[in-house]
Amino acid sequence: MDVNQDVFESASAELAQRHPEIGRLYEAVGPCVLTPPQDDEFTALARAIVFQQLTGKAARTIWGRVVAVLDGTPEPHKVASTTEEALRAAGLSRNKAMSIKDLAAKAIDGSVPLSGFDELSDDEIVTRLSEVRGIGVWTAEMFLIFQLRRLDVWPIGDLGVRKGYARAFALPGPPAPKELEVMGERFRPFRTIAAWYCWRAVETITPGPST
């Protein structure tokens, strides 16, 4: 179920009121804005696999070739019927070709329920996606945030969030993931918005005390 931008705006205002550190970022950059996804769920996941550990330009080039191999429309059955060799000829490594094939297989057998994500909790989605070759917890969390627009995702392993939290809350250095997990409890049920502000903190100089 898509979340209306009004929900992100009201959640941003609530966090800004509850936490002065978020409030300074709110004043500097405004409410959290998450652009509605342009891809369907399968395409978004396949694209995430292709883009891993590549620069943007190289990833876009290879992704364009993969899409062309799939006749312009990445779909599970098309991937399943495409040989690993054809995917590798488009520029994918063997591991990534196998990952996309595994994603397609699990989408077809229902392990990755492309039409049923709304019925699953965040933890259930992370668990299911993490069973796909090449998809880890971080990729699953980014899918929850940017594709499904879930409101309460807290990616403790993301370095940008860790650095941004340290900057926003004037810590001497980024907290360890386990520390950040505890620190994030105060932001429930809007931890996605808090993470978004942490990302903004490392790219924005905010009014107020210097960190």
Protein backbone atom coordinates (compact mmCIF):
# COMPACT_ATOMS: atom_id res chain seq x y z
CA MET A 1 0.00 0.00 0.00
CA ASP A 2 1.52 3.30 -1.10
CA VAL A 3 1.98 5.97 1.54
CA ASN A 4 0.74 9.42 0.65
CA GLN A 5 3.29 12.22 0.83
CA ASP A 6 1.07 13.94 3.40
CA VAL A 7 1.90 11.11 5.80
CA PHE A 8 5.64 11.70 5.38
CA GLU A 9 5.13 15.42 5.94
CA SER A 10 3.12 14.99 9.12
CA ALA A 11 5.57 12.38 10.43
CA SER A 12 8.48 14.73 9.69
CA ALA A 13 6.78 17.54 11.61
CA GLU A 14 6.12 15.22 14.56
CA LEU A 15 9.74 14.06 14.74
CA ALA A 16 10.96 17.65 14.41
CA GLN A 17 8.82 18.62 17.36
CA ARG A 18 9.92 15.64 19.46
CA HIS A 19 13.65 15.93 18.74
CA PRO A 20 15.41 19.32 18.39
CA GLU A 21 18.23 17.67 16.42
CA ILE A 22 15.72 16.53 13.80
CA GLY A 23 14.03 19.91 14.08
CA ARG A 24 17.17 21.72 12.90
CA LEU A 25 17.36 19.45 9.86
CA TYR A 26 13.64 19.93 9.26
CA GLU A 27 14.15 23.69 9.21
CA ALA A 28 17.06 23.32 6.78
CA VAL A 29 15.68 20.82 4.25
CA GLY A 30 11.95 20.59 4.91
CA PRO A 31 9.87 17.44 5.31
CA CYS A 32 10.98 14.00 4.18
CA VAL A 33 10.28 13.41 0.50
CA LEU A 34 10.35 9.92 -1.00
CA THR A 35 9.64 9.89 -4.72
CA PRO A 36 7.02 7.29 -5.67
CA PRO A 37 8.68 4.25 -7.27
CA GLN A 38 8.89 4.13 -11.06
CA ASP A 39 9.50 0.37 -11.33
CA ASP A 40 7.43 -2.65 -10.39
CA GLU A 41 8.70 -4.76 -7.50
CA PHE A 42 10.52 -7.36 -9.59
CA THR A 43 12.24 -4.76 -11.75
CA ALA A 44 13.30 -2.80 -8.67
CA LEU A 45 14.88 -5.88 -7.08
CA ALA A 46 16.60 -7.01 -10.28
CA ARG A 47 17.93 -3.49 -10.81
CA ALA A 48 19.24 -3.40 -7.23
CA ILE A 49 21.21 -6.59 -7.87
CA VAL A 50 22.74 -5.19 -11.06
CA PHE A 51 23.72 -1.89 -9.40
CA GLN A 52 25.53 -3.47 -6.45
CA GLN A 53 29.22 -2.51 -6.24
CA LEU A 54 29.18 -0.60 -9.52
CA THR A 55 29.47 3.09 -10.34
CA GLY A 56 26.28 4.72 -11.53
CA LYS A 57 27.32 5.07 -15.18
CA ALA A 58 28.58 1.49 -15.52
CA ALA A 59 25.53 0.12 -13.71
CA ARG A 60 23.11 2.04 -15.93
CA THR A 61 24.90 0.80 -19.06
CA ILE A 62 24.79 -2.83 -17.98
CA TRP A 63 21.20 -2.54 -16.76
CA GLY A 64 20.19 -1.14 -20.14
CA ARG A 65 21.77 -4.15 -21.85
CA VAL A 66 20.03 -6.56 -19.48
CA VAL A 67 16.67 -4.92 -20.16
CA ALA A 68 17.34 -5.20 -23.90
CA VAL A 69 18.11 -8.93 -23.55
CA LEU A 70 14.74 -9.26 -21.80
CA ASP A 71 12.94 -7.52 -24.67
CA GLY A 72 12.50 -4.30 -22.74
CA THR A 73 10.43 -5.69 -19.90
CA PRO A 74 12.12 -7.48 -17.00
CA GLU A 75 9.69 -10.17 -15.84
CA PRO A 76 10.27 -13.36 -13.85
CA HIS A 77 9.29 -15.73 -16.66
CA LYS A 78 11.44 -13.86 -19.17
CA VAL A 79 14.44 -14.07 -16.86
CA ALA A 80 13.75 -17.75 -16.22
CA SER A 81 13.73 -18.49 -19.95
CA THR A 82 16.89 -16.46 -20.61
CA THR A 83 20.18 -18.33 -20.36
CA GLU A 84 22.83 -17.37 -17.86
CA GLU A 85 25.18 -16.95 -20.83
CA ALA A 86 22.89 -14.34 -22.40
CA LEU A 87 22.76 -12.38 -19.15
CA ARG A 88 26.52 -12.53 -18.80
CA ALA A 89 26.92 -11.34 -22.39
CA ALA A 90 24.96 -8.23 -21.32
CA GLY A 91 27.73 -7.51 -18.82
CA LEU A 92 26.62 -9.27 -15.66
CA SER A 93 29.08 -11.21 -13.57
CA ARG A 94 28.34 -14.89 -13.07
CA ASN A 95 27.22 -14.21 -9.52
CA LYS A 96 24.80 -11.46 -10.55
CA ALA A 97 23.40 -13.51 -13.41
CA MET A 98 22.78 -16.35 -10.97
CA SER A 99 21.24 -13.91 -8.49
CA ILE A 100 18.74 -12.55 -10.99
CA LYS A 101 17.86 -16.08 -12.08
CA ASP A 102 17.34 -17.03 -8.43
CA LEU A 103 15.15 -13.97 -7.88
CA ALA A 104 13.03 -14.97 -10.87
CA ALA A 105 12.71 -18.55 -9.66
CA LYS A 106 11.61 -17.45 -6.19
CA ALA A 107 9.15 -14.94 -7.66
CA ILE A 108 7.62 -17.71 -9.78
CA ASP A 109 7.31 -20.20 -6.93
CA GLY A 110 5.94 -17.55 -4.55
CA SER A 111 8.87 -17.39 -2.14
CA VAL A 112 9.13 -13.73 -3.13
CA PRO A 113 5.44 -12.74 -3.29
CA LEU A 114 5.48 -9.87 -5.77
CA SER A 115 1.74 -9.28 -5.46
CA GLY A 116 1.57 -9.91 -1.73
CA PHE A 117 4.10 -7.63 -0.05
CA ASP A 118 1.36 -5.51 1.50
CA GLU A 119 0.29 -8.51 3.56
CA LEU A 120 3.76 -9.06 5.05
CA SER A 121 5.51 -7.26 7.88
CA ASP A 122 8.85 -5.55 7.36
CA ASP A 123 10.70 -8.38 9.10
CA GLU A 124 8.95 -11.01 6.99
CA ILE A 125 9.91 -9.19 3.79
CA VAL A 126 13.55 -8.85 4.87
CA THR A 127 13.64 -12.56 5.72
CA ARG A 128 12.19 -13.61 2.38
CA LEU A 129 14.31 -11.30 0.28
CA SER A 130 17.46 -12.26 2.15
CA GLU A 131 16.94 -15.83 0.99
CA VAL A 132 17.52 -14.68 -2.60
CA ARG A 133 21.09 -15.09 -3.77
CA GLY A 134 22.75 -11.66 -3.88
CA ILE A 135 20.17 -9.84 -1.76
CA GLY A 136 21.21 -9.01 1.79
CA VAL A 137 19.56 -7.19 4.64
CA TRP A 138 20.66 -3.73 3.43
CA THR A 139 19.20 -4.25 -0.06
CA ALA A 140 15.97 -5.54 1.45
CA GLU A 141 15.75 -2.50 3.73
CA MET A 142 16.29 -0.11 0.83
CA PHE A 143 13.49 -1.93 -0.99
CA LEU A 144 11.23 -1.42 2.01
CA ILE A 145 12.03 2.29 2.12
CA PHE A 146 12.16 3.36 -1.51
CA GLN A 147 9.91 0.82 -3.23
CA LEU A 148 7.31 -0.03 -0.60
CA ARG A 149 7.64 3.29 1.25
CA ARG A 150 7.40 1.70 4.69
CA LEU A 151 7.48 4.23 7.53
CA ASP A 152 9.40 2.43 10.26
CA VAL A 153 12.58 1.02 8.71
CA TRP A 154 15.87 1.64 10.54
CA PRO A 155 18.89 0.51 8.45
CA ILE A 156 21.49 0.20 11.20
CA GLY A 157 24.11 -1.16 8.82
CA ASP A 158 23.98 1.82 6.49
CA LEU A 159 27.12 3.94 6.87
CA GLY A 160 25.36 7.11 5.76
CA VAL A 161 22.74 6.73 8.48
CA ARG A 162 25.42 6.03 11.07
CA LYS A 163 27.48 9.06 10.02
CA GLY A 164 24.42 11.28 9.78
CA TYR A 165 23.22 10.27 13.23
CA ALA A 166 26.61 11.13 14.68
CA ARG A 167 26.53 14.53 12.98
CA ALA A 168 22.94 15.35 13.89
CA PHE A 169 23.32 14.29 17.54
CA ALA A 170 26.86 15.61 18.03
CA LEU A 171 28.54 12.27 18.68
CA PRO A 172 32.32 11.91 18.38
CA GLY A 173 31.95 9.22 15.71
CA PRO A 174 29.41 6.96 14.02
CA PRO A 175 27.75 4.58 16.46
CA ALA A 176 28.13 0.85 15.93
CA PRO A 177 25.10 -0.84 14.35
CA LYS A 178 24.00 -2.42 17.65
CA GLU A 179 24.27 0.95 19.38
CA LEU A 180 22.30 2.62 16.60
CA GLU A 181 19.59 -0.02 16.90
CA VAL A 182 18.94 1.03 20.48
CA MET A 183 19.23 4.74 19.69
CA GLY A 184 16.61 4.40 16.98
CA GLU A 185 13.89 3.21 19.34
CA ARG A 186 13.01 6.80 20.18
CA PHE A 187 11.94 7.42 16.58
CA ARG A 188 9.28 4.71 16.35
CA PRO A 189 6.96 4.49 14.45
CA PHE A 190 8.74 6.81 11.98
CA ARG A 191 12.29 5.47 11.83
CA THR A 192 12.34 5.72 8.02
CA ILE A 193 11.92 9.48 8.33
CA ALA A 194 14.68 9.62 10.95
CA ALA A 195 16.98 7.67 8.61
CA TRP A 196 16.15 10.10 5.80
CA TYR A 197 17.20 13.01 8.01
CA CYS A 198 20.42 11.20 8.92
CA TRP A 199 21.21 10.95 5.22
CA ARG A 200 20.49 14.64 4.82
CA ALA A 201 22.68 15.48 7.82
CA VAL A 202 25.86 14.34 6.07
CA GLU A 203 25.16 16.50 3.05
CA THR A 204 23.67 19.58 4.69
CA ILE A 205 25.00 22.21 7.08
CA THR A 206 22.14 22.88 9.43
CA PRO A 207 21.38 25.93 11.56
CA GLY A 208 22.12 25.61 15.23
CA PRO A 209 25.09 24.29 17.22
CA SER A 210 28.04 23.12 15.16
CA THR A 211 28.79 19.39 15.29
